């Protein structure tokens, strides 16, 4: 499979194991990583109220994640300046018993 696009994945920061002056855990800042991807439009339709000019677009996002990135913590990706929110869970796709890539569906409302 060829991944012709790139998406920026935002990975939330984790617990550093240190405590602040109030004995609260110190959380590391989030990091970003650019990964190969394929983003395909799945469908688009008018919003529920036709007077508002809303368009609901769904995208199928396939990503080649590095082994050290946990897909369960990813909530959104940025593609061509657009934020695509994960709708549901990111699913691993297997080929011959190994993870080939990860996929999720995103819904974006404009207008």
PDB file of N, CA and C in Angstrom:
ATOM      1  N   UNK A   1       0.845  -1.175   0.000  1.00  0.00           N
ATOM      2  CA  UNK A   1       0.000   0.000   0.000  1.00  0.00           C
ATOM      3  C   UNK A   1       0.891   1.239   0.000  1.00  0.00           C
ATOM      4  N   UNK A   2       0.519   2.206  -0.807  1.00  0.00           N
ATOM      5  CA  UNK A   2       1.286   3.442  -0.892  1.00  0.00           C
ATOM      6  C   UNK A   2       0.594   4.521  -0.077  1.00  0.00           C
ATOM      7  N   UNK A   3       1.360   5.252   0.687  1.00  0.00           N
ATOM      8  CA  UNK A   3       0.838   6.352   1.488  1.00  0.00           C
ATOM      9  C   UNK A   3       1.324   7.649   0.851  1.00  0.00           C
ATOM     10  N   UNK A   4       0.441   8.316   0.104  1.00  0.00           N
ATOM     11  CA  UNK A   4       0.818   9.498  -0.663  1.00  0.00           C
ATOM     12  C   UNK A   4       0.723  10.785   0.136  1.00  0.00           C
ATOM     13  N   UNK A   5       0.033  10.782   1.254  1.00  0.00           N
ATOM     14  CA  UNK A   5      -0.153  11.973   2.072  1.00  0.00           C
ATOM     15  C   UNK A   5       0.712  11.898   3.319  1.00  0.00           C
ATOM     16  N   UNK A   6       0.666  12.968   4.087  1.00  0.00           N
ATOM     17  CA  UNK A   6       1.293  13.021   5.398  1.00  0.00           C
ATOM     18  C   UNK A   6       0.275  13.653   6.345  1.00  0.00           C
ATOM     19  N   UNK A   7       0.186  13.118   7.545  1.00  0.00           N
ATOM     20  CA  UNK A   7      -0.644  13.724   8.583  1.00  0.00           C
ATOM     21  C   UNK A   7       0.221  13.989   9.804  1.00  0.00           C
ATOM     22  N   UNK A   8      -0.152  15.011  10.548  1.00  0.00           N
ATOM     23  CA  UNK A   8       0.532  15.325  11.794  1.00  0.00           C
ATOM     24  C   UNK A   8      -0.296  14.764  12.937  1.00  0.00           C
ATOM     25  N   UNK A   9       0.308  13.871  13.686  1.00  0.00           N
ATOM     26  CA  UNK A   9      -0.361  13.220  14.806  1.00  0.00           C
ATOM     27  C   UNK A   9       0.038  13.939  16.087  1.00  0.00           C
ATOM     28  N   UNK A  10      -0.942  14.316  16.897  1.00  0.00           N
ATOM     29  CA  UNK A  10      -0.673  14.933  18.191  1.00  0.00           C
ATOM     30  C   UNK A  10      -0.744  13.859  19.268  1.00  0.00           C
ATOM     31  N   UNK A  11       0.364  13.692  20.001  1.00  0.00           N
ATOM     32  CA  UNK A  11       0.458  12.674  21.042  1.00  0.00           C
ATOM     33  C   UNK A  11       0.460  13.386  22.388  1.00  0.00           C
ATOM     34  N   UNK A  12      -0.539  13.140  23.234  1.00  0.00           N
ATOM     35  CA  UNK A  12      -0.582  13.830  24.525  1.00  0.00           C
ATOM     36  C   UNK A  12       0.603  13.454  25.403  1.00  0.00           C
ATOM     37  N   UNK A  13       0.997  14.406  26.236  1.00  0.00           N
ATOM     38  CA  UNK A  13       2.121  14.164  27.149  1.00  0.00           C
ATOM     39  C   UNK A  13       1.727  13.231  28.270  1.00  0.00           C
ATOM     40  N   UNK A  14       2.694  12.532  28.783  1.00  0.00           N
ATOM     41  CA  UNK A  14       2.436  11.589  29.865  1.00  0.00           C
ATOM     42  C   UNK A  14       3.019  12.071  31.185  1.00  0.00           C
ATOM     43  N   UNK A  15       2.792  11.295  32.202  1.00  0.00           N
ATOM     44  CA  UNK A  15       3.299  11.598  33.536  1.00  0.00           C
ATOM     45  C   UNK A  15       4.820  11.454  33.531  1.00  0.00           C
ATOM     46  N   UNK A  16       5.515  12.487  34.015  1.00  0.00           N
ATOM     47  CA  UNK A  16       6.980  12.458  34.042  1.00  0.00           C
ATOM     48  C   UNK A  16       7.523  11.718  35.260  1.00  0.00           C
ATOM     49  N   UNK A  17       6.648  11.418  36.218  1.00  0.00           N
ATOM     50  CA  UNK A  17       7.094  10.764  37.446  1.00  0.00           C
ATOM     51  C   UNK A  17       7.544  11.759  38.511  1.00  0.00           C
ATOM     52  N   UNK A  18       7.537  13.035  38.176  1.00  0.00           N
ATOM     53  CA  UNK A  18       7.930  14.084  39.124  1.00  0.00           C
ATOM     54  C   UNK A  18       6.690  14.762  39.684  1.00  0.00           C
ATOM     55  N   UNK A  19       6.871  15.461  40.789  1.00  0.00           N
ATOM     56  CA  UNK A  19       5.784  16.184  41.450  1.00  0.00           C
ATOM     57  C   UNK A  19       6.129  17.658  41.561  1.00  0.00           C
ATOM     58  N   UNK A  20       5.086  18.513  41.516  1.00  0.00           N
ATOM     59  CA  UNK A  20       5.318  19.948  41.695  1.00  0.00           C
ATOM     60  C   UNK A  20       5.247  20.311  43.171  1.00  0.00           C
ATOM     61  N   UNK A  21       5.268  21.614  43.467  1.00  0.00           N
ATOM     62  CA  UNK A  21       5.276  22.084  44.857  1.00  0.00           C
ATOM     63  C   UNK A  21       3.993  21.722  45.599  1.00  0.00           C
ATOM     64  N   UNK A  22       2.916  21.436  44.875  1.00  0.00           N
ATOM     65  CA  UNK A  22       1.635  21.085  45.489  1.00  0.00           C
ATOM     66  C   UNK A  22       1.392  19.579  45.455  1.00  0.00           C
ATOM     67  N   UNK A  23       2.440  18.810  45.173  1.00  0.00           N
ATOM     68  CA  UNK A  23       2.425  17.356  45.116  1.00  0.00           C
ATOM     69  C   UNK A  23       1.514  16.819  44.005  1.00  0.00           C
ATOM     70  N   UNK A  24       1.342  17.611  42.964  1.00  0.00           N
ATOM     71  CA  UNK A  24       0.580  17.186  41.793  1.00  0.00           C
ATOM     72  C   UNK A  24       1.549  16.627  40.750  1.00  0.00           C
ATOM     73  N   UNK A  25       1.145  15.609  39.987  1.00  0.00           N
ATOM     74  CA  UNK A  25       2.049  15.053  38.972  1.00  0.00           C
ATOM     75  C   UNK A  25       2.340  16.077  37.871  1.00  0.00           C
ATOM     76  N   UNK A  26       3.565  16.083  37.406  1.00  0.00           N
ATOM     77  CA  UNK A  26       3.961  16.961  36.309  1.00  0.00           C
ATOM     78  C   UNK A  26       3.767  16.178  35.009  1.00  0.00           C
ATOM     79  N   UNK A  27       2.969  16.751  34.127  1.00  0.00           N
ATOM     80  CA  UNK A  27       2.651  16.123  32.845  1.00  0.00           C
ATOM     81  C   UNK A  27       3.520  16.764  31.763  1.00  0.00           C
ATOM     82  N   UNK A  28       4.144  15.932  30.957  1.00  0.00           N
ATOM     83  CA  UNK A  28       4.968  16.428  29.857  1.00  0.00           C
ATOM     84  C   UNK A  28       4.073  17.072  28.798  1.00  0.00           C
ATOM     85  N   UNK A  29       4.584  18.055  28.069  1.00  0.00           N
ATOM     86  CA  UNK A  29       3.765  18.674  27.022  1.00  0.00           C
ATOM     87  C   UNK A  29       3.512  17.704  25.876  1.00  0.00           C
ATOM     88  N   UNK A  30       2.436  17.928  25.122  1.00  0.00           N
ATOM     89  CA  UNK A  30       2.161  17.043  23.991  1.00  0.00           C
ATOM     90  C   UNK A  30       3.237  17.182  22.912  1.00  0.00           C
ATOM     91  N   UNK A  31       3.396  16.132  22.133  1.00  0.00           N
ATOM     92  CA  UNK A  31       4.354  16.171  21.035  1.00  0.00           C
ATOM     93  C   UNK A  31       3.621  15.885  19.733  1.00  0.00           C
ATOM     94  N   UNK A  32       4.243  16.233  18.631  1.00  0.00           N
ATOM     95  CA  UNK A  32       3.654  15.955  17.328  1.00  0.00           C
ATOM     96  C   UNK A  32       4.625  15.129  16.502  1.00  0.00           C
ATOM     97  N   UNK A  33       4.070  14.377  15.598  1.00  0.00           N
ATOM     98  CA  UNK A  33       4.887  13.547  14.726  1.00  0.00           C
ATOM     99  C   UNK A  33       4.202  13.469  13.365  1.00  0.00           C
ATOM    100  N   UNK A  34       4.961  13.652  12.301  1.00  0.00           N
ATOM    101  CA  UNK A  34       4.431  13.550  10.945  1.00  0.00           C
ATOM    102  C   UNK A  34       4.620  12.112  10.479  1.00  0.00           C
ATOM    103  N   UNK A  35       3.522  11.483  10.036  1.00  0.00           N
ATOM    104  CA  UNK A  35       3.568  10.083   9.617  1.00  0.00           C
ATOM    105  C   UNK A  35       2.978   9.945   8.209  1.00  0.00           C
ATOM    106  N   UNK A  36       3.417   8.935   7.453  1.00  0.00           N
ATOM    107  CA  UNK A  36       2.818   8.680   6.139  1.00  0.00           C
ATOM    108  C   UNK A  36       1.356   8.268   6.292  1.00  0.00           C
ATOM    109  N   UNK A  37       0.528   8.721   5.361  1.00  0.00           N
ATOM    110  CA  UNK A  37      -0.910   8.429   5.458  1.00  0.00           C
ATOM    111  C   UNK A  37      -1.547   8.443   4.076  1.00  0.00           C
ATOM    112  N   UNK A  38      -2.757   7.943   4.046  1.00  0.00           N
ATOM    113  CA  UNK A  38      -3.618   8.031   2.871  1.00  0.00           C
ATOM    114  C   UNK A  38      -4.967   8.499   3.384  1.00  0.00           C
ATOM    115  N   UNK A  39      -5.442   9.643   2.908  1.00  0.00           N
ATOM    116  CA  UNK A  39      -6.720  10.190   3.339  1.00  0.00           C
ATOM    117  C   UNK A  39      -7.655  10.196   2.133  1.00  0.00           C
ATOM    118  N   UNK A  40      -8.767   9.476   2.263  1.00  0.00           N
ATOM    119  CA  UNK A  40      -9.731   9.365   1.171  1.00  0.00           C
ATOM    120  C   UNK A  40     -11.091   9.871   1.639  1.00  0.00           C
ATOM    121  N   UNK A  41     -11.757  10.704   0.821  1.00  0.00           N
ATOM    122  CA  UNK A  41     -13.125  11.081   1.170  1.00  0.00           C
ATOM    123  C   UNK A  41     -14.037   9.869   1.060  1.00  0.00           C
ATOM    124  N   UNK A  42     -14.859   9.658   2.067  1.00  0.00           N
ATOM    125  CA  UNK A  42     -15.770   8.510   2.062  1.00  0.00           C
ATOM    126  C   UNK A  42     -17.165   8.926   1.622  1.00  0.00           C
ATOM    127  N   UNK A  43     -17.633  10.081   2.118  1.00  0.00           N
ATOM    128  CA  UNK A  43     -18.967  10.557   1.733  1.00  0.00           C
ATOM    129  C   UNK A  43     -19.126  12.004   2.167  1.00  0.00           C
ATOM    130  N   UNK A  44     -20.101  12.670   1.595  1.00  0.00           N
ATOM    131  CA  UNK A  44     -20.486  13.999   2.066  1.00  0.00           C
ATOM    132  C   UNK A  44     -21.984  14.160   1.838  1.00  0.00           C
ATOM    133  N   UNK A  45     -22.615  14.935   2.709  1.00  0.00           N
ATOM    134  CA  UNK A  45     -24.051  15.157   2.598  1.00  0.00           C
ATOM    135  C   UNK A  45     -24.395  16.475   3.261  1.00  0.00           C
ATOM    136  N   UNK A  46     -25.584  16.976   2.955  1.00  0.00           N
ATOM    137  CA  UNK A  46     -26.059  18.201   3.572  1.00  0.00           C
ATOM    138  C   UNK A  46     -26.352  17.960   5.041  1.00  0.00           C
ATOM    139  N   UNK A  47     -26.229  19.019   5.835  1.00  0.00           N
ATOM    140  CA  UNK A  47     -26.533  18.930   7.253  1.00  0.00           C
ATOM    141  C   UNK A  47     -28.021  18.714   7.483  1.00  0.00           C
ATOM    142  N   UNK A  48     -28.413  18.508   8.743  1.00  0.00           N
ATOM    143  CA  UNK A  48     -29.820  18.203   9.045  1.00  0.00           C
ATOM    144  C   UNK A  48     -30.768  19.347   8.722  1.00  0.00           C
ATOM    145  N   UNK A  49     -30.294  20.580   8.794  1.00  0.00           N
ATOM    146  CA  UNK A  49     -31.144  21.727   8.482  1.00  0.00           C
ATOM    147  C   UNK A  49     -30.631  22.334   7.184  1.00  0.00           C
ATOM    148  N   UNK A  50     -31.353  22.167   6.099  1.00  0.00           N
ATOM    149  CA  UNK A  50     -30.865  22.579   4.779  1.00  0.00           C
ATOM    150  C   UNK A  50     -30.684  24.087   4.654  1.00  0.00           C
ATOM    151  N   UNK A  51     -31.241  24.888   5.579  1.00  0.00           N
ATOM    152  CA  UNK A  51     -31.098  26.340   5.517  1.00  0.00           C
ATOM    153  C   UNK A  51     -29.741  26.820   6.009  1.00  0.00           C
ATOM    154  N   UNK A  52     -28.988  25.988   6.707  1.00  0.00           N
ATOM    155  CA  UNK A  52     -27.746  26.447   7.323  1.00  0.00           C
ATOM    156  C   UNK A  52     -26.517  26.288   6.449  1.00  0.00           C
ATOM    157  N   UNK A  53     -26.650  25.657   5.292  1.00  0.00           N
ATOM    158  CA  UNK A  53     -25.522  25.442   4.391  1.00  0.00           C
ATOM    159  C   UNK A  53     -24.441  24.553   5.005  1.00  0.00           C
ATOM    160  N   UNK A  54     -24.819  23.684   5.910  1.00  0.00           N
ATOM    161  CA  UNK A  54     -23.859  22.753   6.510  1.00  0.00           C
ATOM    162  C   UNK A  54     -23.584  21.600   5.561  1.00  0.00           C
ATOM    163  N   UNK A  55     -22.317  21.168   5.568  1.00  0.00           N
ATOM    164  CA  UNK A  55     -21.931  19.976   4.830  1.00  0.00           C
ATOM    165  C   UNK A  55     -21.196  19.060   5.788  1.00  0.00           C
ATOM    166  N   UNK A  56     -21.611  17.807   5.831  1.00  0.00           N
ATOM    167  CA  UNK A  56     -20.971  16.811   6.684  1.00  0.00           C
ATOM    168  C   UNK A  56     -20.149  15.903   5.785  1.00  0.00           C
ATOM    169  N   UNK A  57     -18.842  15.904   5.998  1.00  0.00           N
ATOM    170  CA  UNK A  57     -17.925  15.090   5.189  1.00  0.00           C
ATOM    171  C   UNK A  57     -17.302  14.022   6.065  1.00  0.00           C
ATOM    172  N   UNK A  58     -17.191  12.818   5.521  1.00  0.00           N
ATOM    173  CA  UNK A  58     -16.536  11.719   6.220  1.00  0.00           C
ATOM    174  C   UNK A  58     -15.294  11.332   5.432  1.00  0.00           C
ATOM    175  N   UNK A  59     -14.211  11.079   6.165  1.00  0.00           N
ATOM    176  CA  UNK A  59     -12.942  10.695   5.564  1.00  0.00           C
ATOM    177  C   UNK A  59     -12.474   9.368   6.140  1.00  0.00           C
ATOM    178  N   UNK A  60     -11.841   8.572   5.328  1.00  0.00           N
ATOM    179  CA  UNK A  60     -11.186   7.337   5.771  1.00  0.00           C
ATOM    180  C   UNK A  60      -9.691   7.647   5.811  1.00  0.00           C
ATOM    181  N   UNK A  61      -9.101   7.502   6.985  1.00  0.00           N
ATOM    182  CA  UNK A  61      -7.691   7.834   7.187  1.00  0.00           C
ATOM    183  C   UNK A  61      -6.922   6.557   7.489  1.00  0.00           C
ATOM    184  N   UNK A  62      -5.901   6.290   6.687  1.00  0.00           N
ATOM    185  CA  UNK A  62      -5.017   5.142   6.886  1.00  0.00           C
ATOM    186  C   UNK A  62      -3.622   5.690   7.179  1.00  0.00           C
ATOM    187  N   UNK A  63      -3.013   5.232   8.263  1.00  0.00           N
ATOM    188  CA  UNK A  63      -1.711   5.758   8.687  1.00  0.00           C
ATOM    189  C   UNK A  63      -0.716   4.636   8.921  1.00  0.00           C
ATOM    190  N   UNK A  64       0.523   4.920   8.653  1.00  0.00           N
ATOM    191  CA  UNK A  64       1.621   3.998   8.957  1.00  0.00           C
ATOM    192  C   UNK A  64       2.295   4.542  10.212  1.00  0.00           C
ATOM    193  N   UNK A  65       1.850   4.044  11.368  1.00  0.00           N
ATOM    194  CA  UNK A  65       2.366   4.546  12.648  1.00  0.00           C
ATOM    195  C   UNK A  65       3.652   3.831  13.041  1.00  0.00           C
ATOM    196  N   UNK A  66       4.608   4.559  13.628  1.00  0.00           N
ATOM    197  CA  UNK A  66       5.802   3.895  14.172  1.00  0.00           C
ATOM    198  C   UNK A  66       5.418   2.993  15.344  1.00  0.00           C
ATOM    199  N   UNK A  67       6.249   2.035  15.638  1.00  0.00           N
ATOM    200  CA  UNK A  67       5.959   1.058  16.697  1.00  0.00           C
ATOM    201  C   UNK A  67       5.841   1.706  18.071  1.00  0.00           C
ATOM    202  N   UNK A  68       6.516   2.841  18.301  1.00  0.00           N
ATOM    203  CA  UNK A  68       6.496   3.462  19.631  1.00  0.00           C
ATOM    204  C   UNK A  68       5.295   4.380  19.863  1.00  0.00           C
ATOM    205  N   UNK A  69       4.400   4.515  18.888  1.00  0.00           N
ATOM    206  CA  UNK A  69       3.219   5.363  19.040  1.00  0.00           C
ATOM    207  C   UNK A  69       2.007   4.483  19.345  1.00  0.00           C
ATOM    208  N   UNK A  70       1.353   4.759  20.475  1.00  0.00           N
ATOM    209  CA  UNK A  70       0.157   4.020  20.875  1.00  0.00           C
ATOM    210  C   UNK A  70      -1.060   4.647  20.190  1.00  0.00           C
ATOM    211  N   UNK A  71      -1.737   3.941  19.291  1.00  0.00           N
ATOM    212  CA  UNK A  71      -2.881   4.538  18.595  1.00  0.00           C
ATOM    213  C   UNK A  71      -4.047   4.875  19.518  1.00  0.00           C
ATOM    214  N   UNK A  72      -4.117   4.279  20.690  1.00  0.00           N
ATOM    215  CA  UNK A  72      -5.228   4.529  21.607  1.00  0.00           C
ATOM    216  C   UNK A  72      -5.222   5.956  22.158  1.00  0.00           C
ATOM    217  N   UNK A  73      -4.079   6.637  22.168  1.00  0.00           N
ATOM    218  CA  UNK A  73      -4.011   7.981  22.735  1.00  0.00           C
ATOM    219  C   UNK A  73      -4.239   9.072  21.689  1.00  0.00           C
ATOM    220  N   UNK A  74      -4.321   8.713  20.418  1.00  0.00           N
ATOM    221  CA  UNK A  74      -4.498   9.708  19.359  1.00  0.00           C
ATOM    222  C   UNK A  74      -5.970  10.077  19.258  1.00  0.00           C
ATOM    223  N   UNK A  75      -6.263  11.372  19.389  1.00  0.00           N
ATOM    224  CA  UNK A  75      -7.637  11.850  19.305  1.00  0.00           C
ATOM    225  C   UNK A  75      -7.915  12.604  18.015  1.00  0.00           C
ATOM    226  N   UNK A  76      -6.860  13.152  17.400  1.00  0.00           N
ATOM    227  CA  UNK A  76      -7.039  13.892  16.162  1.00  0.00           C
ATOM    228  C   UNK A  76      -5.732  13.959  15.392  1.00  0.00           C
ATOM    229  N   UNK A  77      -5.865  14.204  14.092  1.00  0.00           N
ATOM    230  CA  UNK A  77      -4.704  14.399  13.229  1.00  0.00           C
ATOM    231  C   UNK A  77      -4.954  15.658  12.407  1.00  0.00           C
ATOM    232  N   UNK A  78      -3.884  16.229  11.888  1.00  0.00           N
ATOM    233  CA  UNK A  78      -3.990  17.398  11.019  1.00  0.00           C
ATOM    234  C   UNK A  78      -3.557  16.992   9.627  1.00  0.00           C
ATOM    235  N   UNK A  79      -4.394  17.273   8.651  1.00  0.00           N
ATOM    236  CA  UNK A  79      -4.130  16.931   7.257  1.00  0.00           C
ATOM    237  C   UNK A  79      -4.431  18.140   6.391  1.00  0.00           C
ATOM    238  N   UNK A  80      -3.416  18.631   5.692  1.00  0.00           N
ATOM    239  CA  UNK A  80      -3.557  19.793   4.802  1.00  0.00           C
ATOM    240  C   UNK A  80      -4.207  20.972   5.502  1.00  0.00           C
ATOM    241  N   UNK A  81      -3.840  21.200   6.761  1.00  0.00           N
ATOM    242  CA  UNK A  81      -4.369  22.322   7.524  1.00  0.00           C
ATOM    243  C   UNK A  81      -5.721  22.069   8.157  1.00  0.00           C
ATOM    244  N   UNK A  82      -6.317  20.905   7.939  1.00  0.00           N
ATOM    245  CA  UNK A  82      -7.624  20.563   8.510  1.00  0.00           C
ATOM    246  C   UNK A  82      -7.452  19.585   9.660  1.00  0.00           C
ATOM    247  N   UNK A  83      -8.182  19.815  10.728  1.00  0.00           N
ATOM    248  CA  UNK A  83      -8.160  18.907  11.863  1.00  0.00           C
ATOM    249  C   UNK A  83      -9.220  17.834  11.662  1.00  0.00           C
ATOM    250  N   UNK A  84      -8.782  16.580  11.673  1.00  0.00           N
ATOM    251  CA  UNK A  84      -9.689  15.447  11.550  1.00  0.00           C
ATOM    252  C   UNK A  84      -9.723  14.721  12.885  1.00  0.00           C
ATOM    253  N   UNK A  85     -10.902  14.669  13.494  1.00  0.00           N
ATOM    254  CA  UNK A  85     -11.072  14.039  14.788  1.00  0.00           C
ATOM    255  C   UNK A  85     -11.384  12.561  14.602  1.00  0.00           C
ATOM    256  N   UNK A  86     -10.783  11.734  15.445  1.00  0.00           N
ATOM    257  CA  UNK A  86     -11.013  10.294  15.374  1.00  0.00           C
ATOM    258  C   UNK A  86     -12.443  10.010  15.816  1.00  0.00           C
ATOM    259  N   UNK A  87     -13.200   9.350  14.946  1.00  0.00           N
ATOM    260  CA  UNK A  87     -14.574   8.963  15.239  1.00  0.00           C
ATOM    261  C   UNK A  87     -14.560   7.480  15.586  1.00  0.00           C
ATOM    262  N   UNK A  88     -14.667   7.163  16.846  1.00  0.00           N
ATOM    263  CA  UNK A  88     -14.557   5.771  17.298  1.00  0.00           C
ATOM    264  C   UNK A  88     -13.135   5.475  17.750  1.00  0.00           C
ATOM    265  N   UNK A  89     -12.602   4.343  17.298  1.00  0.00           N
ATOM    266  CA  UNK A  89     -11.244   3.937  17.673  1.00  0.00           C
ATOM    267  C   UNK A  89     -10.388   3.746  16.428  1.00  0.00           C
ATOM    268  N   UNK A  90      -9.104   3.895  16.598  1.00  0.00           N
ATOM    269  CA  UNK A  90      -8.167   3.607  15.525  1.00  0.00           C
ATOM    270  C   UNK A  90      -7.934   2.098  15.517  1.00  0.00           C
ATOM    271  N   UNK A  91      -8.174   1.480  14.368  1.00  0.00           N
ATOM    272  CA  UNK A  91      -8.110   0.028  14.258  1.00  0.00           C
ATOM    273  C   UNK A  91      -6.851  -0.417  13.525  1.00  0.00           C
ATOM    274  N   UNK A  92      -6.144  -1.418  14.057  1.00  0.00           N
ATOM    275  CA  UNK A  92      -5.017  -1.973  13.306  1.00  0.00           C
ATOM    276  C   UNK A  92      -5.527  -2.854  12.174  1.00  0.00           C
ATOM    277  N   UNK A  93      -4.867  -2.798  11.041  1.00  0.00           N
ATOM    278  CA  UNK A  93      -5.209  -3.630   9.893  1.00  0.00           C
ATOM    279  C   UNK A  93      -4.081  -4.638   9.692  1.00  0.00           C
ATOM    280  N   UNK A  94      -4.423  -5.906   9.725  1.00  0.00           N
ATOM    281  CA  UNK A  94      -3.423  -6.976   9.694  1.00  0.00           C
ATOM    282  C   UNK A  94      -3.284  -7.567   8.291  1.00  0.00           C
ATOM    283  N   UNK A  95      -2.052  -7.871   7.928  1.00  0.00           N
ATOM    284  CA  UNK A  95      -1.741  -8.634   6.720  1.00  0.00           C
ATOM    285  C   UNK A  95      -0.714  -9.685   7.101  1.00  0.00           C
ATOM    286  N   UNK A  96      -1.050 -10.943   6.874  1.00  0.00           N
ATOM    287  CA  UNK A  96      -0.189 -12.079   7.197  1.00  0.00           C
ATOM    288  C   UNK A  96       0.284 -12.067   8.658  1.00  0.00           C
ATOM    289  N   UNK A  97      -0.614 -11.722   9.564  1.00  0.00           N
ATOM    290  CA  UNK A  97      -0.319 -11.777  10.988  1.00  0.00           C
ATOM    291  C   UNK A  97       0.446 -10.590  11.554  1.00  0.00           C
ATOM    292  N   UNK A  98       0.706  -9.573  10.740  1.00  0.00           N
ATOM    293  CA  UNK A  98       1.418  -8.382  11.213  1.00  0.00           C
ATOM    294  C   UNK A  98       0.579  -7.139  10.930  1.00  0.00           C
ATOM    295  N   UNK A  99       0.811  -6.108  11.726  1.00  0.00           N
ATOM    296  CA  UNK A  99       0.088  -4.859  11.506  1.00  0.00           C
ATOM    297  C   UNK A  99       0.654  -4.180  10.266  1.00  0.00           C
ATOM    298  N   UNK A 100      -0.205  -3.971   9.284  1.00  0.00           N
ATOM    299  CA  UNK A 100       0.177  -3.282   8.058  1.00  0.00           C
ATOM    300  C   UNK A 100       0.077  -1.770   8.238  1.00  0.00           C
ATOM    301  N   UNK A 101      -1.067  -1.337   8.782  1.00  0.00           N
ATOM    302  CA  UNK A 101      -1.312   0.084   9.009  1.00  0.00           C
ATOM    303  C   UNK A 101      -2.489   0.218   9.977  1.00  0.00           C
ATOM    304  N   UNK A 102      -2.811   1.452  10.333  1.00  0.00           N
ATOM    305  CA  UNK A 102      -3.945   1.724  11.216  1.00  0.00           C
ATOM    306  C   UNK A 102      -4.950   2.586  10.455  1.00  0.00           C
ATOM    307  N   UNK A 103      -6.242   2.383  10.738  1.00  0.00           N
ATOM    308  CA  UNK A 103      -7.304   3.127  10.056  1.00  0.00           C
ATOM    309  C   UNK A 103      -8.309   3.683  11.052  1.00  0.00           C
ATOM    310  N   UNK A 104      -8.886   4.825  10.670  1.00  0.00           N
ATOM    311  CA  UNK A 104     -10.032   5.355  11.398  1.00  0.00           C
ATOM    312  C   UNK A 104     -10.877   6.191  10.444  1.00  0.00           C
ATOM    313  N   UNK A 105     -12.094   6.475  10.864  1.00  0.00           N
ATOM    314  CA  UNK A 105     -13.018   7.289  10.101  1.00  0.00           C
ATOM    315  C   UNK A 105     -13.203   8.597  10.852  1.00  0.00           C
ATOM    316  N   UNK A 106     -13.246   9.698  10.102  1.00  0.00           N
ATOM    317  CA  UNK A 106     -13.428  11.005  10.702  1.00  0.00           C
ATOM    318  C   UNK A 106     -14.629  11.698  10.069  1.00  0.00           C
ATOM    319  N   UNK A 107     -15.323  12.471  10.872  1.00  0.00           N
ATOM    320  CA  UNK A 107     -16.447  13.249  10.373  1.00  0.00           C
ATOM    321  C   UNK A 107     -16.144  14.720  10.597  1.00  0.00           C
ATOM    322  N   UNK A 108     -16.323  15.543   9.551  1.00  0.00           N
ATOM    323  CA  UNK A 108     -16.014  16.963   9.638  1.00  0.00           C
ATOM    324  C   UNK A 108     -17.239  17.746   9.173  1.00  0.00           C
ATOM    325  N   UNK A 109     -17.692  18.708   9.995  1.00  0.00           N
ATOM    326  CA  UNK A 109     -18.851  19.524   9.670  1.00  0.00           C
ATOM    327  C   UNK A 109     -18.366  20.924   9.332  1.00  0.00           C
ATOM    328  N   UNK A 110     -18.754  21.426   8.149  1.00  0.00           N
ATOM    329  CA  UNK A 110     -18.387  22.784   7.751  1.00  0.00           C
ATOM    330  C   UNK A 110     -19.652  23.579   7.457  1.00  0.00           C
ATOM    331  N   UNK A 111     -19.557  24.869   7.619  1.00  0.00           N
ATOM    332  CA  UNK A 111     -20.676  25.762   7.298  1.00  0.00           C
ATOM    333  C   UNK A 111     -21.511  26.136   8.463  1.00  0.00           C
TER     334      UNK A 111
END
